[in-house]
Amino acid sequence: MALAQHAGPVSTTAVRHPLFARFYNRVVAPCIVREGGDDLRRRLLAGLSGTVVEVGAGDGANFGHYPDTVDRIVAVEPEPYLREKAAVAADERIELRDGLAQDLPVGDGQADAVVFCLVLCSVDQAAALAEAHRVLRPEGELRVLEHVMADSPRSRRTQRLLDRTIWPRIGGGCHLHRDTAAAVEQAHFRFLDLDRFAFPSGSSGPSSSSILGRAVPV
């Protein structure tokens, strides 16, 4: 199936975080694997089929975990270094594209699923989720695996402080104090299931509060 364009130009302006991108690929990504991140990725992608849009594909860490029932993956990543690494991990099902979360290079209703994995912390959530809603077919699914706002007031205060100071600068625009589950619902999705947990297990760090869930457009 040809890649249809929606009305209006798709931005190809690169998002450049060269230092963070290298740190993430060389340090953070291996730590995620050691702490059991691959199991979470498999849970995130389990049961998908057809055409999937992955928003913020990063270095392609999800690619090897897509089930065989997925025929086509439109993987969008605007950061050049990470997109280069993702290209190495890509197989014949994957169309790796430069693009932004708020302006996906996919036509209306063409996706059977949209995947956000560790990306809604660093983009305009409302705009990104509105785009996900646009490209999903009515029976499609949104899949999310994200670190989110903490439960305890003390941890939330720490998150807000870090967001106002150093965290976005050192984390490629990442923010800690985001109620991503609420943002998903506000974007006209309904959760079919939603798991809340700490990652790594037992951690109380500022980015440990996490969610993994499936939602459908309403």
Protein backbone atom coordinates (compact mmCIF):
# COMPACT_ATOMS: atom_id res chain seq x y z
CA MET A 1 0.00 0.00 0.00
CA ALA A 2 1.38 3.40 -0.95
CA LEU A 3 2.12 5.84 1.83
CA ALA A 4 -0.69 8.39 1.55
CA GLN A 5 -0.18 11.96 2.66
CA HIS A 6 -2.72 13.96 4.60
CA ALA A 7 -3.59 17.52 3.69
CA GLY A 8 -0.73 19.93 4.29
CA PRO A 9 3.06 19.51 4.19
CA VAL A 10 4.84 17.12 6.50
CA SER A 11 7.71 18.76 8.37
CA THR A 12 11.13 17.21 7.95
CA THR A 13 12.86 19.60 10.31
CA ALA A 14 15.31 17.51 12.28
CA VAL A 15 15.15 17.46 16.06
CA ARG A 16 18.82 17.55 17.01
CA HIS A 17 19.97 16.39 20.43
CA PRO A 18 23.38 14.98 19.45
CA LEU A 19 24.84 14.56 22.94
CA PHE A 20 21.68 13.13 24.45
CA ALA A 21 21.13 10.83 21.46
CA ARG A 22 24.57 9.29 21.86
CA PHE A 23 24.23 9.01 25.63
CA TYR A 24 20.83 7.36 25.25
CA ASN A 25 22.03 4.86 22.65
CA ARG A 26 25.27 3.95 24.42
CA VAL A 27 24.29 4.15 28.10
CA VAL A 28 20.54 4.44 28.75
CA ALA A 29 19.34 1.87 26.20
CA PRO A 30 21.65 -0.92 27.48
CA CYS A 31 20.54 -0.15 31.05
CA ILE A 32 16.90 -0.50 30.03
CA VAL A 33 17.67 -3.91 28.54
CA ARG A 34 19.52 -5.05 31.67
CA GLU A 35 16.59 -4.04 33.87
CA GLY A 36 14.06 -6.04 31.86
CA GLY A 37 12.98 -3.48 29.29
CA ASP A 38 12.74 -6.03 26.49
CA ASP A 39 9.95 -7.83 28.35
CA LEU A 40 8.05 -4.55 28.59
CA ARG A 41 8.55 -3.90 24.88
CA ARG A 42 7.18 -7.35 24.04
CA ARG A 43 4.14 -6.70 26.23
CA LEU A 44 3.66 -3.32 24.57
CA LEU A 45 3.63 -4.80 21.07
CA ALA A 46 1.93 -8.15 21.71
CA GLY A 47 -1.06 -8.93 19.52
CA LEU A 48 -0.51 -6.16 16.98
CA SER A 49 -1.17 -6.80 13.31
CA GLY A 50 -1.47 -4.98 10.00
CA THR A 51 0.01 -1.49 9.70
CA VAL A 52 1.63 0.09 12.75
CA VAL A 53 2.92 3.64 13.17
CA GLU A 54 5.68 3.95 15.78
CA VAL A 55 6.14 7.54 16.89
CA GLY A 56 9.64 8.38 18.09
CA ALA A 57 11.28 5.10 17.14
CA GLY A 58 14.61 6.18 18.64
CA ASP A 59 17.41 3.73 17.91
CA GLY A 60 14.99 1.01 16.80
CA ALA A 61 14.94 -0.92 20.07
CA ASN A 62 11.34 -2.02 19.48
CA PHE A 63 11.85 -3.35 15.97
CA GLY A 64 12.91 -6.86 16.93
CA HIS A 65 9.90 -7.29 19.22
CA TYR A 66 7.09 -6.73 16.70
CA PRO A 67 5.10 -9.93 16.14
CA ASP A 68 5.06 -11.58 12.73
CA THR A 69 1.43 -10.54 12.29
CA VAL A 70 2.55 -6.93 11.72
CA ASP A 71 2.93 -6.42 7.97
CA ARG A 72 4.17 -2.82 7.84
CA ILE A 73 5.76 -0.45 10.34
CA VAL A 74 5.99 3.28 9.62
CA ALA A 75 8.67 4.30 12.11
CA VAL A 76 9.01 8.06 12.62
CA GLU A 77 12.18 9.47 14.21
CA PRO A 78 13.33 13.09 13.77
CA GLU A 79 16.72 12.85 15.53
CA PRO A 80 19.37 12.09 12.87
CA TYR A 81 21.78 10.05 14.99
CA LEU A 82 19.03 7.88 16.45
CA ARG A 83 17.43 7.46 13.02
CA GLU A 84 20.79 6.26 11.68
CA LYS A 85 20.98 3.66 14.45
CA ALA A 86 17.38 2.62 13.82
CA ALA A 87 18.17 2.03 10.16
CA VAL A 88 20.68 -0.66 11.18
CA ALA A 89 17.98 -2.44 13.22
CA ALA A 90 15.27 -2.17 10.55
CA ASP A 91 13.97 -5.12 8.55
CA GLU A 92 11.99 -5.22 5.31
CA ARG A 93 8.70 -4.38 7.06
CA ILE A 94 9.96 -1.04 8.35
CA GLU A 95 9.63 2.30 6.57
CA LEU A 96 11.89 4.62 8.57
CA ARG A 97 10.83 8.23 8.17
CA ASP A 98 12.03 11.65 9.29
CA GLY A 99 9.01 13.33 10.84
CA LEU A 100 7.46 14.86 13.92
CA ALA A 101 4.94 13.45 16.37
CA GLN A 102 2.52 16.29 15.66
CA ASP A 103 2.72 15.87 11.86
CA LEU A 104 2.87 12.20 10.93
CA PRO A 105 3.53 11.17 7.31
CA VAL A 106 0.49 8.88 7.23
CA GLY A 107 -3.00 9.34 5.81
CA ASP A 108 -6.20 9.53 7.81
CA GLY A 109 -7.36 6.19 9.20
CA GLN A 110 -4.51 4.15 7.67
CA ALA A 111 -3.02 2.67 10.84
CA ASP A 112 -4.17 -0.41 12.71
CA ALA A 113 -2.11 0.74 15.71
CA VAL A 114 -0.02 3.67 16.89
CA VAL A 115 2.83 3.04 19.34
CA PHE A 116 4.36 5.55 21.75
CA CYS A 117 7.33 4.17 23.68
CA LEU A 118 9.26 6.54 25.94
CA VAL A 119 8.39 9.53 23.76
CA LEU A 120 5.33 11.31 25.20
CA CYS A 121 7.60 12.77 27.87
CA SER A 122 9.36 14.92 25.28
CA VAL A 123 6.73 16.04 22.76
CA ASP A 124 3.58 18.17 22.74
CA GLN A 125 1.27 15.50 24.12
CA ALA A 126 -2.01 17.00 22.94
CA ALA A 127 -0.75 17.49 19.38
CA ALA A 128 0.91 14.06 19.20
CA LEU A 129 -2.14 12.25 20.52
CA ALA A 130 -4.43 14.18 18.16
CA GLU A 131 -2.26 12.96 15.27
CA ALA A 132 -2.45 9.41 16.58
CA HIS A 133 -6.23 9.71 16.67
CA ARG A 134 -6.24 11.00 13.08
CA VAL A 135 -4.16 8.20 11.57
CA LEU A 136 -5.87 5.35 13.45
CA ARG A 137 -8.73 3.48 11.88
CA PRO A 138 -11.87 3.47 14.09
CA GLU A 139 -11.11 -0.03 15.45
CA GLY A 140 -7.40 0.62 15.86
CA GLU A 141 -5.37 0.67 19.06
CA LEU A 142 -3.06 3.11 20.78
CA ARG A 143 -0.22 1.46 22.71
CA VAL A 144 1.78 3.43 25.31
CA LEU A 145 4.82 2.63 27.45
CA GLU A 146 5.92 5.80 29.26
CA HIS A 147 7.39 7.14 32.47
CA VAL A 148 4.91 9.47 34.14
CA MET A 149 4.03 11.69 37.07
CA ALA A 150 4.78 10.01 40.41
CA ASP A 151 2.16 9.00 42.97
CA SER A 152 3.61 10.61 46.08
CA PRO A 153 3.47 14.40 46.64
CA ARG A 154 7.15 14.46 47.61
CA SER A 155 8.22 12.75 44.41
CA ARG A 156 6.01 15.05 42.38
CA ARG A 157 7.68 18.08 43.92
CA THR A 158 11.06 16.65 42.92
CA GLN A 159 9.82 16.03 39.40
CA ARG A 160 8.48 19.58 39.05
CA LEU A 161 11.77 21.02 40.32
CA LEU A 162 13.80 18.96 37.87
CA ASP A 163 11.47 19.88 35.00
CA ARG A 164 11.97 23.58 35.74
CA THR A 165 15.75 23.25 35.86
CA ILE A 166 18.12 20.67 34.41
CA TRP A 167 16.10 17.63 33.34
CA PRO A 168 14.83 18.78 29.92
CA ARG A 169 18.29 20.13 29.08
CA ILE A 170 20.13 16.92 29.82
CA GLY A 171 17.31 14.62 28.69
CA GLY A 172 16.66 15.81 25.15
CA GLY A 173 13.50 17.69 26.11
CA CYS A 174 12.22 14.99 28.48
CA HIS A 175 9.79 15.99 31.25
CA LEU A 176 9.08 13.99 34.38
CA HIS A 177 5.89 15.50 35.79
CA ARG A 178 3.37 14.51 33.12
CA ASP A 179 0.04 12.80 33.71
CA THR A 180 0.21 10.91 30.43
CA ALA A 181 -2.72 8.58 31.15
CA ALA A 182 -4.98 11.59 31.66
CA ALA A 183 -3.63 13.18 28.47
CA VAL A 184 -4.52 10.03 26.53
CA GLU A 185 -8.09 10.12 27.82
CA GLN A 186 -8.38 13.85 27.14
CA ALA A 187 -7.37 13.14 23.55
CA HIS A 188 -10.53 11.03 23.09
CA PHE A 189 -9.14 7.59 23.81
CA ARG A 190 -10.47 4.98 26.23
CA PHE A 191 -8.10 2.59 27.98
CA LEU A 192 -8.82 -1.10 27.58
CA ASP A 193 -6.16 -1.85 30.18
CA LEU A 194 -3.60 0.22 32.03
CA ASP A 195 -0.78 -1.08 34.22
CA ARG A 196 1.07 1.23 36.62
CA PHE A 197 4.44 0.14 38.01
CA ALA A 198 7.95 1.25 38.89
CA PHE A 199 10.75 0.71 36.41
CA PRO A 200 13.26 -0.56 37.28
CA SER A 201 11.30 -2.70 39.71
CA GLY A 202 11.52 -1.32 43.23
CA SER A 203 13.02 1.98 42.11
CA SER A 204 11.83 5.33 43.50
CA GLY A 205 13.86 7.51 41.14
CA PRO A 206 12.34 10.57 39.45
CA SER A 207 11.66 8.71 36.20
CA SER A 208 10.63 5.35 37.66
CA SER A 209 6.82 5.78 37.78
CA SER A 210 5.60 4.14 34.58
CA ILE A 211 2.52 3.05 32.66
CA LEU A 212 1.87 0.44 29.99
CA GLY A 213 -1.52 0.39 28.35
CA ARG A 214 -3.84 -0.16 25.39
CA ALA A 215 -6.46 2.39 24.37
CA VAL A 216 -8.98 2.81 21.56
CA PRO A 217 -10.34 5.97 19.94
CA VAL A 218 -13.76 7.18 21.04
